[in-house]
Amino acid sequence: MRILVTNDDGIGAPGLAALVGRLVAAGHDVAVAAPSSERSGSGTSLGGVDNGTPIAVADHVLPAAPSVPAVAIDGPPGLAVLAACAGALGEPPDAVISGINAGPNTGRSLLFSGTVGGALAGAMLGRSAMAVSCGFLPEARFDTAAEVACAAVPLLARPGMRGTVLNLNVPDVDLGQIKGIENGPLGRRGRIGYSIERTGSQLTVRSYLTDPADLDHASDAGLLHAGYVSATLLRAALGELDTAPVTELLRRVLSSEASLPAANVR
């Protein structure tokens, strides 16, 4: 497969570099199209696009993988994915991987996420897709998340995965310290919450980590907090969310390729 990597943290983000470096080391055919700057919270937006609107693009060299064709786009990840899948940036991809995001994407609010939005854009365009997230900097373990993501890449080639997003949230621990992999249905609350206040002519938006006691322990957010990789399938068609179990798909691949103890993959 030809894999397009995008993100919402910007083309220079360390999470993207870690993901691309690991995919290249595994021998995958990789291209990058990502925002030129931070575009978090953009969902599947295309940005301020109108008929004939010129959008700045620039070739970019990734220090971690200088041979990988990379393009920075002055727009959100949804636009980058649309451009790549339309063939405007070279050979169109077979699959889209978005991330690695610095911060978890769990619960129903993940639809706000530009990371998940980039993957959903690929799925809406008929590709198989994956969104990958871990914790916040400086504790973010992009190396562990990159290993898990790379091990899950063969799932994207399986029949029936087109039009589907595999949403992975990975704990910030060594690979061998992951407790296992669990199907994580979307919780009513995610690991991140938001508060908004109006003061005169301004809105102030603040984000915070939710109290673990308020999480459904069987949800994607609860499982991540407990030290598991949370894996959720999102269907792009009509915006429907399908939390069908993915652990059986991940069991064989991750236990063999990521050196995760099979007994811990449930």
C-alpha atoms as a PDB file:
ATOM      1  CA  MET A   1       0.000   0.000   0.000  1.00  0.00           C
ATOM      2  CA  ARG A   2       0.925   3.618  -0.504  1.00  0.00           C
ATOM      3  CA  ILE A   3       0.362   5.350   2.838  1.00  0.00           C
ATOM      4  CA  LEU A   4      -0.372   9.042   3.250  1.00  0.00           C
ATOM      5  CA  VAL A   5       0.615  10.464   6.642  1.00  0.00           C
ATOM      6  CA  THR A   6      -1.022  13.637   7.905  1.00  0.00           C
ATOM      7  CA  ASN A   7      -1.664  15.300  11.267  1.00  0.00           C
ATOM      8  CA  ASP A   8      -3.150  18.404  12.865  1.00  0.00           C
ATOM      9  CA  ASP A   9      -0.092  19.497  14.883  1.00  0.00           C
ATOM     10  CA  GLY A  10       1.778  20.684  11.801  1.00  0.00           C
ATOM     11  CA  ILE A  11       4.269  19.080   9.460  1.00  0.00           C
ATOM     12  CA  GLY A  12       7.165  19.794  11.825  1.00  0.00           C
ATOM     13  CA  ALA A  13       5.585  18.034  14.809  1.00  0.00           C
ATOM     14  CA  PRO A  14       7.612  15.312  16.565  1.00  0.00           C
ATOM     15  CA  GLY A  15       4.716  12.853  16.509  1.00  0.00           C
ATOM     16  CA  LEU A  16       4.557  12.920  12.714  1.00  0.00           C
ATOM     17  CA  ALA A  17       8.339  12.496  12.491  1.00  0.00           C
ATOM     18  CA  ALA A  18       8.247   9.458  14.778  1.00  0.00           C
ATOM     19  CA  LEU A  19       5.426   7.842  12.796  1.00  0.00           C
ATOM     20  CA  VAL A  20       6.999   8.469   9.379  1.00  0.00           C
ATOM     21  CA  GLY A  21      10.403   7.270  10.557  1.00  0.00           C
ATOM     22  CA  ARG A  22       8.964   4.003  11.866  1.00  0.00           C
ATOM     23  CA  LEU A  23       6.875   3.354   8.746  1.00  0.00           C
ATOM     24  CA  VAL A  24       9.860   3.975   6.486  1.00  0.00           C
ATOM     25  CA  ALA A  25      12.045   1.684   8.605  1.00  0.00           C
ATOM     26  CA  ALA A  26       9.421  -1.028   8.127  1.00  0.00           C
ATOM     27  CA  GLY A  27       9.666  -0.628   4.354  1.00  0.00           C
ATOM     28  CA  HIS A  28       6.332   1.051   3.650  1.00  0.00           C
ATOM     29  CA  ASP A  29       5.723   3.394   0.708  1.00  0.00           C
ATOM     30  CA  VAL A  30       5.057   6.686   2.505  1.00  0.00           C
ATOM     31  CA  ALA A  31       4.119  10.219   1.468  1.00  0.00           C
ATOM     32  CA  VAL A  32       3.277  13.170   3.715  1.00  0.00           C
ATOM     33  CA  ALA A  33       0.757  15.974   3.300  1.00  0.00           C
ATOM     34  CA  ALA A  34       0.126  17.949   6.462  1.00  0.00           C
ATOM     35  CA  PRO A  35      -0.762  21.441   7.646  1.00  0.00           C
ATOM     36  CA  SER A  36       2.044  23.977   7.619  1.00  0.00           C
ATOM     37  CA  SER A  37       1.084  24.989  11.177  1.00  0.00           C
ATOM     38  CA  GLU A  38      -1.068  23.941  14.108  1.00  0.00           C
ATOM     39  CA  ARG A  39      -4.654  23.043  13.080  1.00  0.00           C
ATOM     40  CA  SER A  40      -5.940  21.198  16.130  1.00  0.00           C
ATOM     41  CA  GLY A  41      -9.701  21.040  16.603  1.00  0.00           C
ATOM     42  CA  SER A  42     -10.448  21.382  12.904  1.00  0.00           C
ATOM     43  CA  GLY A  43     -12.336  18.087  12.566  1.00  0.00           C
ATOM     44  CA  THR A  44     -12.938  17.233   8.903  1.00  0.00           C
ATOM     45  CA  SER A  45     -12.941  20.899   7.881  1.00  0.00           C
ATOM     46  CA  LEU A  46     -11.461  22.034   4.578  1.00  0.00           C
ATOM     47  CA  GLY A  47     -10.863  25.528   5.963  1.00  0.00           C
ATOM     48  CA  GLY A  48     -11.769  28.748   4.162  1.00  0.00           C
ATOM     49  CA  VAL A  49     -12.048  27.197   0.714  1.00  0.00           C
ATOM     50  CA  ASP A  50     -14.105  28.853  -2.009  1.00  0.00           C
ATOM     51  CA  ASN A  51     -14.263  28.232  -5.740  1.00  0.00           C
ATOM     52  CA  GLY A  52     -10.837  29.061  -7.153  1.00  0.00           C
ATOM     53  CA  THR A  53      -9.314  30.003  -3.791  1.00  0.00           C
ATOM     54  CA  PRO A  54      -5.500  29.735  -3.985  1.00  0.00           C
ATOM     55  CA  ILE A  55      -3.974  27.797  -1.086  1.00  0.00           C
ATOM     56  CA  ALA A  56      -0.262  27.963  -0.325  1.00  0.00           C
ATOM     57  CA  VAL A  57       1.674  24.699  -0.561  1.00  0.00           C
ATOM     58  CA  ALA A  58       5.381  24.029  -0.220  1.00  0.00           C
ATOM     59  CA  ASP A  59       7.607  21.000  -0.529  1.00  0.00           C
ATOM     60  CA  HIS A  60       9.100  20.062   2.815  1.00  0.00           C
ATOM     61  CA  VAL A  61      12.092  17.970   3.873  1.00  0.00           C
ATOM     62  CA  LEU A  62      11.564  15.834   6.956  1.00  0.00           C
ATOM     63  CA  PRO A  63      14.852  15.482   8.878  1.00  0.00           C
ATOM     64  CA  ALA A  64      13.773  12.036  10.104  1.00  0.00           C
ATOM     65  CA  ALA A  65      13.056  10.819   6.552  1.00  0.00           C
ATOM     66  CA  PRO A  66      14.517  13.178   3.914  1.00  0.00           C
ATOM     67  CA  SER A  67      13.693  10.790   1.057  1.00  0.00           C
ATOM     68  CA  VAL A  68       9.953  10.845   1.787  1.00  0.00           C
ATOM     69  CA  PRO A  69       7.954  13.237  -0.440  1.00  0.00           C
ATOM     70  CA  ALA A  70       6.325  15.753   1.879  1.00  0.00           C
ATOM     71  CA  VAL A  71       4.107  18.773   1.257  1.00  0.00           C
ATOM     72  CA  ALA A  72       3.071  21.456   3.747  1.00  0.00           C
ATOM     73  CA  ILE A  73      -0.377  22.912   3.108  1.00  0.00           C
ATOM     74  CA  ASP A  74      -1.842  26.133   4.502  1.00  0.00           C
ATOM     75  CA  GLY A  75      -4.994  24.365   5.576  1.00  0.00           C
ATOM     76  CA  PRO A  76      -6.361  21.682   7.910  1.00  0.00           C
ATOM     77  CA  PRO A  77      -5.611  17.968   7.570  1.00  0.00           C
ATOM     78  CA  GLY A  78      -8.956  17.312   5.855  1.00  0.00           C
ATOM     79  CA  LEU A  79      -7.865  19.519   2.969  1.00  0.00           C
ATOM     80  CA  ALA A  80      -4.439  17.869   2.818  1.00  0.00           C
ATOM     81  CA  VAL A  81      -6.057  14.437   2.583  1.00  0.00           C
ATOM     82  CA  LEU A  82      -8.561  15.592  -0.038  1.00  0.00           C
ATOM     83  CA  ALA A  83      -5.769  17.047  -2.176  1.00  0.00           C
ATOM     84  CA  ALA A  84      -3.672  13.890  -1.899  1.00  0.00           C
ATOM     85  CA  CYS A  85      -6.565  11.546  -2.660  1.00  0.00           C
ATOM     86  CA  ALA A  86      -7.534  13.703  -5.650  1.00  0.00           C
ATOM     87  CA  GLY A  87      -4.055  13.186  -7.093  1.00  0.00           C
ATOM     88  CA  ALA A  88      -3.038  16.848  -6.795  1.00  0.00           C
ATOM     89  CA  LEU A  89       0.114  15.940  -4.858  1.00  0.00           C
ATOM     90  CA  GLY A  90       1.279  12.895  -6.789  1.00  0.00           C
ATOM     91  CA  GLU A  91       0.167   9.278  -6.827  1.00  0.00           C
ATOM     92  CA  PRO A  92      -2.965   8.977  -4.649  1.00  0.00           C
ATOM     93  CA  PRO A  93      -2.661   6.913  -1.471  1.00  0.00           C
ATOM     94  CA  ASP A  94      -4.295   3.601  -0.674  1.00  0.00           C
ATOM     95  CA  ALA A  95      -4.503   4.346   3.042  1.00  0.00           C
ATOM     96  CA  VAL A  96      -4.297   7.352   5.365  1.00  0.00           C
ATOM     97  CA  ILE A  97      -2.670   7.485   8.796  1.00  0.00           C
ATOM     98  CA  SER A  98      -3.136  10.612  10.886  1.00  0.00           C
ATOM     99  CA  GLY A  99      -0.905  11.409  13.860  1.00  0.00           C
ATOM    100  CA  ILE A 100       0.776  10.813  16.124  1.00  0.00           C
ATOM    101  CA  ASN A 101      -1.211  13.358  18.087  1.00  0.00           C
ATOM    102  CA  ALA A 102       0.123  14.881  21.295  1.00  0.00           C
ATOM    103  CA  GLY A 103      -2.965  14.299  23.403  1.00  0.00           C
ATOM    104  CA  PRO A 104      -5.608  11.554  23.537  1.00  0.00           C
ATOM    105  CA  ASN A 105      -8.618  11.461  21.227  1.00  0.00           C
ATOM    106  CA  THR A 106     -11.326   9.587  23.084  1.00  0.00           C
ATOM    107  CA  GLY A 107     -15.032   9.908  23.760  1.00  0.00           C
ATOM    108  CA  ARG A 108     -17.613  11.548  21.551  1.00  0.00           C
ATOM    109  CA  SER A 109     -15.654  14.786  21.411  1.00  0.00           C
ATOM    110  CA  LEU A 110     -13.089  13.077  19.160  1.00  0.00           C
ATOM    111  CA  LEU A 111     -15.192  14.338  16.255  1.00  0.00           C
ATOM    112  CA  PHE A 112     -13.756  17.785  16.984  1.00  0.00           C
ATOM    113  CA  SER A 113     -10.242  16.421  16.513  1.00  0.00           C
ATOM    114  CA  GLY A 114      -8.244  17.359  13.446  1.00  0.00           C
ATOM    115  CA  THR A 115      -6.259  14.144  13.889  1.00  0.00           C
ATOM    116  CA  VAL A 116      -9.366  11.986  13.715  1.00  0.00           C
ATOM    117  CA  GLY A 117     -10.823  14.358  11.112  1.00  0.00           C
ATOM    118  CA  GLY A 118      -7.888  13.751   8.772  1.00  0.00           C
ATOM    119  CA  ALA A 119      -8.430  10.007   9.044  1.00  0.00           C
ATOM    120  CA  LEU A 120     -12.195  10.362   8.577  1.00  0.00           C
ATOM    121  CA  ALA A 121     -11.587  12.438   5.448  1.00  0.00           C
ATOM    122  CA  GLY A 122      -9.574   9.551   4.026  1.00  0.00           C
ATOM    123  CA  ALA A 123     -12.303   7.082   4.946  1.00  0.00           C
ATOM    124  CA  MET A 124     -14.989   9.275   3.357  1.00  0.00           C
ATOM    125  CA  LEU A 125     -12.886   9.200   0.186  1.00  0.00           C
ATOM    126  CA  GLY A 126     -12.899   5.410   0.173  1.00  0.00           C
ATOM    127  CA  ARG A 127      -9.571   4.727   1.848  1.00  0.00           C
ATOM    128  CA  SER A 128      -8.815   2.684   4.923  1.00  0.00           C
ATOM    129  CA  ALA A 129      -7.516   4.947   7.641  1.00  0.00           C
ATOM    130  CA  MET A 130      -5.975   5.103  11.082  1.00  0.00           C
ATOM    131  CA  ALA A 131      -5.755   7.858  13.697  1.00  0.00           C
ATOM    132  CA  VAL A 132      -3.052   7.530  16.342  1.00  0.00           C
ATOM    133  CA  SER A 133      -2.771   9.484  19.591  1.00  0.00           C
ATOM    134  CA  CYS A 134      -0.827   9.289  22.834  1.00  0.00           C
ATOM    135  CA  GLY A 135      -0.335  11.677  25.778  1.00  0.00           C
ATOM    136  CA  PHE A 136       0.712  15.278  26.051  1.00  0.00           C
ATOM    137  CA  LEU A 137       4.230  16.602  25.799  1.00  0.00           C
ATOM    138  CA  PRO A 138       6.684  16.281  27.442  1.00  0.00           C
ATOM    139  CA  GLU A 139       5.505  12.841  28.613  1.00  0.00           C
ATOM    140  CA  ALA A 140       4.209  11.779  25.179  1.00  0.00           C
ATOM    141  CA  ARG A 141       5.696   8.439  24.104  1.00  0.00           C
ATOM    142  CA  PHE A 142       5.655   8.805  20.350  1.00  0.00           C
ATOM    143  CA  ASP A 143       8.077   5.881  20.071  1.00  0.00           C
ATOM    144  CA  THR A 144       5.641   3.444  21.684  1.00  0.00           C
ATOM    145  CA  ALA A 145       2.688   4.799  19.708  1.00  0.00           C
ATOM    146  CA  ALA A 146       4.677   4.510  16.462  1.00  0.00           C
ATOM    147  CA  GLU A 147       5.440   0.843  17.180  1.00  0.00           C
ATOM    148  CA  VAL A 148       1.781   0.058  17.827  1.00  0.00           C
ATOM    149  CA  ALA A 149       0.670   1.974  14.731  1.00  0.00           C
ATOM    150  CA  CYS A 150       3.223   0.276  12.496  1.00  0.00           C
ATOM    151  CA  ALA A 151       2.203  -3.144  13.773  1.00  0.00           C
ATOM    152  CA  ALA A 152      -1.431  -2.343  12.967  1.00  0.00           C
ATOM    153  CA  VAL A 153      -0.754  -1.236   9.361  1.00  0.00           C
ATOM    154  CA  PRO A 154      -1.540  -4.703   7.880  1.00  0.00           C
ATOM    155  CA  LEU A 155      -5.087  -4.293   9.168  1.00  0.00           C
ATOM    156  CA  LEU A 156      -5.597  -1.409   6.745  1.00  0.00           C
ATOM    157  CA  ALA A 157      -5.169  -3.792   3.813  1.00  0.00           C
ATOM    158  CA  ARG A 158      -7.840  -6.204   4.997  1.00  0.00           C
ATOM    159  CA  PRO A 159     -11.113  -6.556   3.061  1.00  0.00           C
ATOM    160  CA  GLY A 160     -13.855  -4.405   4.479  1.00  0.00           C
ATOM    161  CA  MET A 161     -11.548  -1.780   6.000  1.00  0.00           C
ATOM    162  CA  ARG A 162     -12.113   0.795   3.250  1.00  0.00           C
ATOM    163  CA  GLY A 163     -14.273   3.610   4.536  1.00  0.00           C
ATOM    164  CA  THR A 164     -13.227   2.784   8.095  1.00  0.00           C
ATOM    165  CA  VAL A 165     -11.019   4.517  10.661  1.00  0.00           C
ATOM    166  CA  LEU A 166      -9.108   2.546  13.267  1.00  0.00           C
ATOM    167  CA  ASN A 167      -8.729   5.007  16.158  1.00  0.00           C
ATOM    168  CA  LEU A 168      -5.803   4.060  18.414  1.00  0.00           C
ATOM    169  CA  ASN A 169      -4.967   5.697  21.737  1.00  0.00           C
ATOM    170  CA  VAL A 170      -1.693   4.504  23.229  1.00  0.00           C
ATOM    171  CA  PRO A 171      -0.498   4.877  26.858  1.00  0.00           C
ATOM    172  CA  ASP A 172       2.743   6.740  27.567  1.00  0.00           C
ATOM    173  CA  VAL A 173       4.749   3.710  28.689  1.00  0.00           C
ATOM    174  CA  ASP A 174       7.321   1.322  27.283  1.00  0.00           C
ATOM    175  CA  LEU A 175       5.902  -1.180  24.806  1.00  0.00           C
ATOM    176  CA  GLY A 176       6.325  -4.047  27.253  1.00  0.00           C
ATOM    177  CA  GLN A 177       4.414  -2.161  29.950  1.00  0.00           C
ATOM    178  CA  ILE A 178       1.200  -1.899  27.938  1.00  0.00           C
ATOM    179  CA  LYS A 179      -1.405  -3.962  29.763  1.00  0.00           C
ATOM    180  CA  GLY A 180      -3.081  -5.108  26.568  1.00  0.00           C
ATOM    181  CA  ILE A 181      -5.333  -4.035  23.717  1.00  0.00           C
ATOM    182  CA  GLU A 182      -9.042  -3.572  24.239  1.00  0.00           C
ATOM    183  CA  ASN A 183     -11.980  -2.605  22.081  1.00  0.00           C
ATOM    184  CA  GLY A 184     -12.802   0.844  23.385  1.00  0.00           C
ATOM    185  CA  PRO A 185     -16.371   1.960  22.638  1.00  0.00           C
ATOM    186  CA  LEU A 186     -16.703   5.732  22.665  1.00  0.00           C
ATOM    187  CA  GLY A 187     -17.340   7.086  26.122  1.00  0.00           C
ATOM    188  CA  ARG A 188     -19.759   9.910  26.848  1.00  0.00           C
ATOM    189  CA  ARG A 189     -16.723  11.659  28.282  1.00  0.00           C
ATOM    190  CA  GLY A 190     -13.199  11.572  26.920  1.00  0.00           C
ATOM    191  CA  ARG A 191      -9.888  12.166  28.672  1.00  0.00           C
ATOM    192  CA  ILE A 192     -10.080  15.828  27.671  1.00  0.00           C
ATOM    193  CA  GLY A 193     -12.869  18.188  28.631  1.00  0.00           C
ATOM    194  CA  TYR A 194     -13.537  21.793  27.651  1.00  0.00           C
ATOM    195  CA  SER A 195     -14.816  24.892  29.380  1.00  0.00           C
ATOM    196  CA  ILE A 196     -15.854  28.070  27.571  1.00  0.00           C
ATOM    197  CA  GLU A 197     -16.388  31.488  29.078  1.00  0.00           C
ATOM    198  CA  ARG A 198     -17.554  34.729  27.495  1.00  0.00           C
ATOM    199  CA  THR A 199     -16.055  38.002  28.638  1.00  0.00           C
ATOM    200  CA  GLY A 200     -17.445  40.912  26.687  1.00  0.00           C
ATOM    201  CA  SER A 201     -16.535  40.411  23.036  1.00  0.00           C
ATOM    202  CA  GLN A 202     -14.298  37.391  23.659  1.00  0.00           C
ATOM    203  CA  LEU A 203     -14.686  33.666  24.237  1.00  0.00           C
ATOM    204  CA  THR A 204     -12.025  31.880  26.252  1.00  0.00           C
ATOM    205  CA  VAL A 205     -11.730  28.134  25.620  1.00  0.00           C
ATOM    206  CA  ARG A 206      -9.825  26.003  28.129  1.00  0.00           C
ATOM    207  CA  SER A 207      -9.096  22.292  28.030  1.00  0.00           C
ATOM    208  CA  TYR A 208      -8.494  20.037  31.018  1.00  0.00           C
ATOM    209  CA  LEU A 209      -8.004  16.376  31.851  1.00  0.00           C
ATOM    210  CA  THR A 210     -11.227  14.888  33.139  1.00  0.00           C
ATOM    211  CA  ASP A 211     -11.393  13.237  36.530  1.00  0.00           C
ATOM    212  CA  PRO A 212     -10.736   9.502  36.042  1.00  0.00           C
ATOM    213  CA  ALA A 213     -13.559   8.810  38.500  1.00  0.00           C
ATOM    214  CA  ASP A 214     -15.977  10.320  35.979  1.00  0.00           C
ATOM    215  CA  LEU A 215     -14.927   7.968  33.175  1.00  0.00           C
ATOM    216  CA  ASP A 216     -16.729   4.816  32.133  1.00  0.00           C
ATOM    217  CA  HIS A 217     -13.996   2.273  32.830  1.00  0.00           C
ATOM    218  CA  ALA A 218     -15.090   0.116  29.865  1.00  0.00           C
ATOM    219  CA  SER A 219     -14.936   3.071  27.438  1.00  0.00           C
ATOM    220  CA  ASP A 220     -12.024   4.080  25.249  1.00  0.00           C
ATOM    221  CA  ALA A 221     -11.021   6.813  27.701  1.00  0.00           C
ATOM    222  CA  GLY A 222     -11.298   4.548  30.726  1.00  0.00           C
ATOM    223  CA  LEU A 223      -9.247   1.798  29.122  1.00  0.00           C
ATOM    224  CA  LEU A 224      -6.535   4.232  28.080  1.00  0.00           C
ATOM    225  CA  HIS A 225      -6.323   5.627  31.608  1.00  0.00           C
ATOM    226  CA  ALA A 226      -5.985   2.063  32.917  1.00  0.00           C
ATOM    227  CA  GLY A 227      -2.933   1.454  30.722  1.00  0.00           C
ATOM    228  CA  TYR A 228      -4.447  -0.324  27.717  1.00  0.00           C
ATOM    229  CA  VAL A 229      -4.252   0.533  24.033  1.00  0.00           C
ATOM    230  CA  SER A 230      -7.784   1.591  23.193  1.00  0.00           C
ATOM    231  CA  ALA A 231      -8.844   0.570  19.672  1.00  0.00           C
ATOM    232  CA  THR A 232     -12.124   1.764  18.162  1.00  0.00           C
ATOM    233  CA  LEU A 233     -13.534   1.398  14.659  1.00  0.00           C
ATOM    234  CA  LEU A 234     -15.240   4.471  13.226  1.00  0.00           C
ATOM    235  CA  ARG A 235     -17.338   4.181  10.083  1.00  0.00           C
ATOM    236  CA  ALA A 236     -17.288   7.231   7.838  1.00  0.00           C
ATOM    237  CA  ALA A 237     -20.510   6.514   5.930  1.00  0.00           C
ATOM    238  CA  LEU A 238     -23.192   9.013   6.944  1.00  0.00           C
ATOM    239  CA  GLY A 239     -21.135   9.938   9.970  1.00  0.00           C
ATOM    240  CA  GLU A 240     -22.152   6.730  11.751  1.00  0.00           C
ATOM    241  CA  LEU A 241     -19.916   5.389  14.504  1.00  0.00           C
ATOM    242  CA  ASP A 242     -19.397   1.661  14.713  1.00  0.00           C
ATOM    243  CA  THR A 243     -17.706   0.338  17.832  1.00  0.00           C
ATOM    244  CA  ALA A 244     -17.482  -3.223  16.546  1.00  0.00           C
ATOM    245  CA  PRO A 245     -14.743  -5.187  18.331  1.00  0.00           C
ATOM    246  CA  VAL A 246     -11.298  -4.857  16.800  1.00  0.00           C
ATOM    247  CA  THR A 247      -9.319  -6.860  19.320  1.00  0.00           C
ATOM    248  CA  GLU A 248      -9.517 -10.052  17.277  1.00  0.00           C
ATOM    249  CA  LEU A 249      -8.035  -8.206  14.304  1.00  0.00           C
ATOM    250  CA  LEU A 250      -5.265  -6.712  16.404  1.00  0.00           C
ATOM    251  CA  ARG A 251      -4.442  -9.793  18.466  1.00  0.00           C
ATOM    252  CA  ARG A 252      -2.348 -11.680  15.942  1.00  0.00           C
ATOM    253  CA  VAL A 253      -0.631  -8.677  14.384  1.00  0.00           C
ATOM    254  CA  LEU A 254       0.353  -6.854  17.541  1.00  0.00           C
ATOM    255  CA  SER A 255       1.345  -9.910  19.566  1.00  0.00           C
ATOM    256  CA  SER A 256       3.793 -10.970  16.851  1.00  0.00           C
ATOM    257  CA  GLU A 257       5.012  -7.706  15.329  1.00  0.00           C
ATOM    258  CA  ALA A 258       5.033  -5.433  18.379  1.00  0.00           C
ATOM    259  CA  SER A 259       6.344  -8.109  20.757  1.00  0.00           C
ATOM    260  CA  LEU A 260       3.305  -7.639  22.975  1.00  0.00           C
ATOM    261  CA  PRO A 261       2.619 -10.716  25.124  1.00  0.00           C
ATOM    262  CA  ALA A 262      -0.260 -12.587  23.543  1.00  0.00           C
ATOM    263  CA  ALA A 263      -1.774 -13.198  26.965  1.00  0.00           C
ATOM    264  CA  ASN A 264      -2.133  -9.469  27.445  1.00  0.00           C
ATOM    265  CA  VAL A 265      -3.996  -8.874  24.189  1.00  0.00           C
ATOM    266  CA  ARG A 266      -7.629  -9.487  25.031  1.00  0.00           C
END
